[in-house]
PDB file of N, CA and C in Angstrom:
ATOM      1  N   MET A   1     -11.938  45.531 -10.588  1.00  0.00           N
ATOM      2  CA  MET A   1     -12.889  45.747  -9.582  1.00  0.00           C
ATOM      3  C   MET A   1     -14.375  45.503 -10.013  1.00  0.00           C
ATOM      4  N   GLU A   2     -15.013  44.916  -9.074  1.00  0.00           N
ATOM      5  CA  GLU A   2     -16.476  44.389  -9.238  1.00  0.00           C
ATOM      6  C   GLU A   2     -17.368  45.631  -9.326  1.00  0.00           C
ATOM      7  N   ASN A   3     -18.350  45.699 -10.412  1.00  0.00           N
ATOM      8  CA  ASN A   3     -19.138  46.625 -10.684  1.00  0.00           C
ATOM      9  C   ASN A   3     -20.239  46.716  -9.222  1.00  0.00           C
ATOM     10  N   LYS A   4     -20.102  47.966  -8.628  1.00  0.00           N
ATOM     11  CA  LYS A   4     -20.898  48.226  -7.348  1.00  0.00           C
ATOM     12  C   LYS A   4     -22.391  48.091  -7.501  1.00  0.00           C
ATOM     13  N   SER A   5     -22.915  48.212  -8.609  1.00  0.00           N
ATOM     14  CA  SER A   5     -24.096  47.996  -8.985  1.00  0.00           C
ATOM     15  C   SER A   5     -24.667  46.372  -8.823  1.00  0.00           C
ATOM     16  N   LYS A   6     -23.825  45.518  -8.933  1.00  0.00           N
ATOM     17  CA  LYS A   6     -24.013  44.082  -8.634  1.00  0.00           C
ATOM     18  C   LYS A   6     -23.787  43.717  -7.124  1.00  0.00           C
ATOM     19  N   ARG A   7     -23.441  44.655  -6.398  1.00  0.00           N
ATOM     20  CA  ARG A   7     -23.381  44.433  -5.056  1.00  0.00           C
ATOM     21  C   ARG A   7     -24.819  44.720  -4.224  1.00  0.00           C
ATOM     22  N   GLY A   8     -25.604  43.642  -4.307  1.00  0.00           N
ATOM     23  CA  GLY A   8     -27.025  43.774  -3.519  1.00  0.00           C
ATOM     24  C   GLY A   8     -27.136  42.993  -2.533  1.00  0.00           C
ATOM     25  N   TRP A   9     -28.195  42.250  -2.274  1.00  0.00           N
ATOM     26  CA  TRP A   9     -28.372  41.598  -0.994  1.00  0.00           C
ATOM     27  C   TRP A   9     -27.936  40.275  -1.113  1.00  0.00           C
ATOM     28  N   SER A  10     -27.871  39.583  -2.188  1.00  0.00           N
ATOM     29  CA  SER A  10     -27.094  38.284  -2.354  1.00  0.00           C
ATOM     30  C   SER A  10     -25.601  38.501  -2.126  1.00  0.00           C
ATOM     31  N   TRP A  11     -25.048  39.355  -2.520  1.00  0.00           N
ATOM     32  CA  TRP A  11     -23.747  39.602  -2.469  1.00  0.00           C
ATOM     33  C   TRP A  11     -23.221  39.767  -1.051  1.00  0.00           C
ATOM     34  N   ALA A  12     -23.903  40.581  -0.323  1.00  0.00           N
ATOM     35  CA  ALA A  12     -23.827  40.955   1.038  1.00  0.00           C
ATOM     36  C   ALA A  12     -23.904  39.684   1.958  1.00  0.00           C
ATOM     37  N   TYR A  13     -25.062  38.965   1.613  1.00  0.00           N
ATOM     38  CA  TYR A  13     -25.398  37.756   2.305  1.00  0.00           C
ATOM     39  C   TYR A  13     -24.123  36.788   2.169  1.00  0.00           C
ATOM     40  N   LYS A  14     -23.725  36.407   1.011  1.00  0.00           N
ATOM     41  CA  LYS A  14     -22.529  35.447   0.946  1.00  0.00           C
ATOM     42  C   LYS A  14     -21.154  36.063   1.645  1.00  0.00           C
ATOM     43  N   LYS A  15     -21.112  37.308   1.345  1.00  0.00           N
ATOM     44  CA  LYS A  15     -19.858  37.950   1.947  1.00  0.00           C
ATOM     45  C   LYS A  15     -19.871  37.828   3.661  1.00  0.00           C
ATOM     46  N   ILE A  16     -20.951  38.114   4.151  1.00  0.00           N
ATOM     47  CA  ILE A  16     -21.243  37.860   5.527  1.00  0.00           C
ATOM     48  C   ILE A  16     -21.203  36.430   6.006  1.00  0.00           C
ATOM     49  N   ARG A  17     -21.797  35.678   5.137  1.00  0.00           N
ATOM     50  CA  ARG A  17     -21.635  34.172   5.667  1.00  0.00           C
ATOM     51  C   ARG A  17     -20.196  33.716   5.503  1.00  0.00           C
ATOM     52  N   GLY A  18     -19.252  34.320   4.628  1.00  0.00           N
ATOM     53  CA  GLY A  18     -18.145  33.759   4.394  1.00  0.00           C
ATOM     54  C   GLY A  18     -17.227  34.268   5.665  1.00  0.00           C
ATOM     55  N   LEU A  19     -17.720  35.066   6.400  1.00  0.00           N
ATOM     56  CA  LEU A  19     -16.991  35.680   7.738  1.00  0.00           C
ATOM     57  C   LEU A  19     -17.483  34.785   8.883  1.00  0.00           C
ATOM     58  N   HIS A  20     -18.018  33.673   8.581  1.00  0.00           N
ATOM     59  CA  HIS A  20     -18.552  32.679   9.538  1.00  0.00           C
ATOM     60  C   HIS A  20     -19.515  33.250  10.611  1.00  0.00           C
ATOM     61  N   CYS A  21     -20.538  34.056   9.992  1.00  0.00           N
ATOM     62  CA  CYS A  21     -21.465  34.643  10.830  1.00  0.00           C
ATOM     63  C   CYS A  21     -22.877  33.758  10.589  1.00  0.00           C
ATOM     64  N   SER A  22     -23.964  33.645  11.609  1.00  0.00           N
ATOM     65  CA  SER A  22     -25.046  32.805  11.582  1.00  0.00           C
ATOM     66  C   SER A  22     -25.827  33.153  10.318  1.00  0.00           C
ATOM     67  N   LYS A  23     -26.725  32.285  10.063  1.00  0.00           N
ATOM     68  CA  LYS A  23     -27.749  32.720   8.891  1.00  0.00           C
ATOM     69  C   LYS A  23     -28.631  33.759   9.251  1.00  0.00           C
ATOM     70  N   PHE A  24     -28.950  33.772  10.375  1.00  0.00           N
ATOM     71  CA  PHE A  24     -29.942  34.994  10.833  1.00  0.00           C
ATOM     72  C   PHE A  24     -29.238  36.239  10.855  1.00  0.00           C
ATOM     73  N   THR A  25     -28.022  36.313  11.319  1.00  0.00           N
ATOM     74  CA  THR A  25     -27.141  37.704  11.268  1.00  0.00           C
ATOM     75  C   THR A  25     -26.873  38.023   9.707  1.00  0.00           C
ATOM     76  N   SER A  26     -26.539  37.002   8.978  1.00  0.00           N
ATOM     77  CA  SER A  26     -26.159  37.370   7.608  1.00  0.00           C
ATOM     78  C   SER A  26     -27.537  37.889   7.078  1.00  0.00           C
ATOM     79  N   ALA A  27     -28.585  37.248   7.279  1.00  0.00           N
ATOM     80  CA  ALA A  27     -29.758  37.757   6.573  1.00  0.00           C
ATOM     81  C   ALA A  27     -30.165  39.389   7.016  1.00  0.00           C
ATOM     82  N   TYR A  28     -30.045  39.644   8.283  1.00  0.00           N
ATOM     83  CA  TYR A  28     -30.336  40.800   8.925  1.00  0.00           C
ATOM     84  C   TYR A  28     -29.366  41.656   8.360  1.00  0.00           C
ATOM     85  N   ARG A  29     -28.196  41.738   8.393  1.00  0.00           N
ATOM     86  CA  ARG A  29     -27.021  42.335   7.908  1.00  0.00           C
ATOM     87  C   ARG A  29     -27.277  42.882   6.445  1.00  0.00           C
ATOM     88  N   ALA A  30     -27.467  41.659   5.730  1.00  0.00           N
ATOM     89  CA  ALA A  30     -27.787  41.883   4.312  1.00  0.00           C
ATOM     90  C   ALA A  30     -28.799  42.754   3.836  1.00  0.00           C
ATOM     91  N   THR A  31     -29.868  42.575   4.573  1.00  0.00           N
ATOM     92  CA  THR A  31     -31.017  43.250   4.400  1.00  0.00           C
ATOM     93  C   THR A  31     -30.605  44.605   4.726  1.00  0.00           C
ATOM     94  N   ARG A  32     -30.064  44.939   5.824  1.00  0.00           N
ATOM     95  CA  ARG A  32     -29.681  46.425   6.150  1.00  0.00           C
ATOM     96  C   ARG A  32     -28.838  47.000   5.183  1.00  0.00           C
ATOM     97  N   TYR A  33     -27.803  46.303   4.470  1.00  0.00           N
ATOM     98  CA  TYR A  33     -27.079  46.813   3.576  1.00  0.00           C
ATOM     99  C   TYR A  33     -27.923  47.144   2.177  1.00  0.00           C
ATOM    100  N   ALA A  34     -28.767  46.262   1.869  1.00  0.00           N
ATOM    101  CA  ALA A  34     -29.409  46.417   0.508  1.00  0.00           C
ATOM    102  C   ALA A  34     -30.551  47.656   1.008  1.00  0.00           C
ATOM    103  N   LEU A  35     -30.898  47.811   1.836  1.00  0.00           N
ATOM    104  CA  LEU A  35     -32.148  49.019   2.239  1.00  0.00           C
ATOM    105  C   LEU A  35     -31.108  50.452   2.630  1.00  0.00           C
ATOM    106  N   LEU A  36     -30.229  50.135   3.326  1.00  0.00           N
ATOM    107  CA  LEU A  36     -29.367  51.621   3.819  1.00  0.00           C
ATOM    108  C   LEU A  36     -28.066  51.654   3.176  1.00  0.00           C
ATOM    109  N   GLY A  37     -27.421  50.658   2.618  1.00  0.00           N
ATOM    110  CA  GLY A  37     -26.042  50.785   2.293  1.00  0.00           C
ATOM    111  C   GLY A  37     -24.937  50.655   3.227  1.00  0.00           C
ATOM    112  N   ASP A  38     -25.459  50.130   4.251  1.00  0.00           N
ATOM    113  CA  ASP A  38     -24.524  49.991   5.548  1.00  0.00           C
ATOM    114  C   ASP A  38     -25.149  48.811   6.294  1.00  0.00           C
ATOM    115  N   THR A  39     -24.240  47.900   6.596  1.00  0.00           N
ATOM    116  CA  THR A  39     -24.489  46.840   7.458  1.00  0.00           C
ATOM    117  C   THR A  39     -24.526  47.176   8.999  1.00  0.00           C
ATOM    118  N   GLY A  40     -23.748  48.328   9.524  1.00  0.00           N
ATOM    119  CA  GLY A  40     -23.578  48.422  10.862  1.00  0.00           C
ATOM    120  C   GLY A  40     -22.626  47.796  11.336  1.00  0.00           C
ATOM    121  N   THR A  41     -22.135  47.938  12.512  1.00  0.00           N
ATOM    122  CA  THR A  41     -21.204  47.191  13.172  1.00  0.00           C
ATOM    123  C   THR A  41     -21.179  45.723  13.653  1.00  0.00           C
ATOM    124  N   PHE A  42     -20.545  44.830  13.458  1.00  0.00           N
ATOM    125  CA  PHE A  42     -20.955  43.731  13.872  1.00  0.00           C
ATOM    126  C   PHE A  42     -19.708  42.702  13.922  1.00  0.00           C
ATOM    127  N   TYR A  43     -19.646  41.483  14.840  1.00  0.00           N
ATOM    128  CA  TYR A  43     -18.681  40.538  14.985  1.00  0.00           C
ATOM    129  C   TYR A  43     -18.972  39.372  14.375  1.00  0.00           C
ATOM    130  N   SER A  44     -17.822  38.404  14.033  1.00  0.00           N
ATOM    131  CA  SER A  44     -18.171  37.412  13.408  1.00  0.00           C
ATOM    132  C   SER A  44     -17.785  36.404  14.497  1.00  0.00           C
ATOM    133  N   LYS A  45     -17.835  35.035  14.360  1.00  0.00           N
ATOM    134  CA  LYS A  45     -17.749  33.936  15.245  1.00  0.00           C
ATOM    135  C   LYS A  45     -16.024  33.672  15.351  1.00  0.00           C
ATOM    136  N   VAL A  46     -15.266  33.940  14.345  1.00  0.00           N
ATOM    137  CA  VAL A  46     -13.887  33.617  14.088  1.00  0.00           C
ATOM    138  C   VAL A  46     -13.174  35.075  14.880  1.00  0.00           C
ATOM    139  N   SER A  47     -13.508  36.090  14.633  1.00  0.00           N
ATOM    140  CA  SER A  47     -12.738  37.180  15.276  1.00  0.00           C
ATOM    141  C   SER A  47     -13.678  38.156  15.949  1.00  0.00           C
ATOM    142  N   TRP A  48     -12.868  38.873  16.949  1.00  0.00           N
ATOM    143  CA  TRP A  48     -13.425  39.752  17.655  1.00  0.00           C
ATOM    144  C   TRP A  48     -13.129  40.996  17.212  1.00  0.00           C
ATOM    145  N   ARG A  49     -12.948  41.374  15.971  1.00  0.00           N
ATOM    146  CA  ARG A  49     -12.726  42.565  15.381  1.00  0.00           C
ATOM    147  C   ARG A  49     -14.101  43.047  14.803  1.00  0.00           C
ATOM    148  N   LYS A  50     -14.285  44.310  14.914  1.00  0.00           N
ATOM    149  CA  LYS A  50     -15.334  44.940  14.259  1.00  0.00           C
ATOM    150  C   LYS A  50     -15.477  44.949  12.971  1.00  0.00           C
ATOM    151  N   ILE A  51     -16.567  44.571  12.212  1.00  0.00           N
ATOM    152  CA  ILE A  51     -16.726  44.403  10.846  1.00  0.00           C
ATOM    153  C   ILE A  51     -17.859  45.404  10.517  1.00  0.00           C
ATOM    154  N   ARG A  52     -17.774  45.981   9.335  1.00  0.00           N
ATOM    155  CA  ARG A  52     -18.728  46.975   8.856  1.00  0.00           C
ATOM    156  C   ARG A  52     -18.573  46.962   7.243  1.00  0.00           C
ATOM    157  N   ILE A  53     -19.812  46.763   6.616  1.00  0.00           N
ATOM    158  CA  ILE A  53     -19.560  46.710   4.984  1.00  0.00           C
ATOM    159  C   ILE A  53     -20.536  48.044   4.729  1.00  0.00           C
ATOM    160  N   TYR A  54     -20.063  48.859   3.768  1.00  0.00           N
ATOM    161  CA  TYR A  54     -20.957  50.023   3.364  1.00  0.00           C
ATOM    162  C   TYR A  54     -20.516  50.246   1.948  1.00  0.00           C
ATOM    163  N   ARG A  55     -21.336  50.847   1.158  1.00  0.00           N
ATOM    164  CA  ARG A  55     -21.093  51.322  -0.239  1.00  0.00           C
ATOM    165  C   ARG A  55     -20.340  52.563  -0.138  1.00  0.00           C
TER     166      ARG A  55
END
C-alpha cells in the first residue's frame, strides 16, 4: 500500500484526471484534497456515479 504522506496535490490531480474530469475540476478538487483532506462529491465525464476521495 502506498504511503499516505505521499498522497498530496499532484497525486490527487493525477487520480482525478485519470477519471476523465476536466483540468479545472481536477485542479479544484485536488486543491480541496490537499487543504481539507476531502475532495467533496463530484461526477466524472465517463460515469454518473458519485466520486469522493478522502484521507
